[in-house]
């Protein structure tokens, strides 16, 4: 079996860069696989994944956080080559939801043990041609991520401290989005600070945020906060410490295989699995049903 393992050296606040290529090859070799290991900076991950697909490997293994996994998945989407995951990022939402071990040797053993099965088919979300594994967000969060990443680079702050600093800078002055949502023949007009589109259903409590029980529902799940101000959004965050916000009147919660979001702006910043892209409006979201093969633990 031919496997290419691509590790983003910048993932996990640089923690992934501490992984030695020969050590990782040794872990795969001990598990019975000869792996071509590439440790590359983030901007070269997509190029390496495209090379892997052209070479016809039996699996591509992505080492990094959700952004790295998304980049590799975009090259594999719709094809027969399965994705293996080495969760060496900061949060690893995708891997945790799927039960993939965070311990590196255990993750390698999982890939080796289940490689020949060809992976499980999971859904992908897509917006204007860009895929996402976890979620897409609009409103206040994309500018927070932009400021966060700038502070991490310029001030060398950790992710959580940089996020807090960014939120304090962005929230007081961020204007709410005016939007019209077209979904399954219905129309919803809202002015909001926060929009969340999940690939399958999410819990929306602070302590369970991002938790999903499945990634093959065939639907996208749309959550719109009924808050037009930053202060109101902070109130919702505090409320989420005590309950799942889906069960309140503070959120619109809808699901469908596809939806369209129209806005006055010609383009808008969109959060996609840890990264921010600027996309032209309208935003056309859809589910790509069972479009990605992923090597997973045995399902119970």
Foldseek 3Di string as FASTA:
>chain_A
DEEEEEEACPFAVRPSVVDDQVVLQVLLVVLPDRYHYHYYHPVCLLVVLLVVVVVPGQEYEYEHAQVSQQSNQLNCFQHQRAYQYADNHNPRLLCVLQVQDNDRSSSSNLCSVQSVVSFFQFKWKDKPRRIFQWKKKFAQPLQLLVQLVVCCVPVVDDNVVSSVVSLVVRQQPTFWFWKWKQAPNDIDTATARMKMKTQADAFAAPVRGRHDNGGAPLKIKIKTFRDGGSVVVVVVNVVSPPGGCVPDPGIDIDMDQKMWMFGPDQWGWMDGRSHIDIGGDGIIMGMPGSRHGYRGPDDD
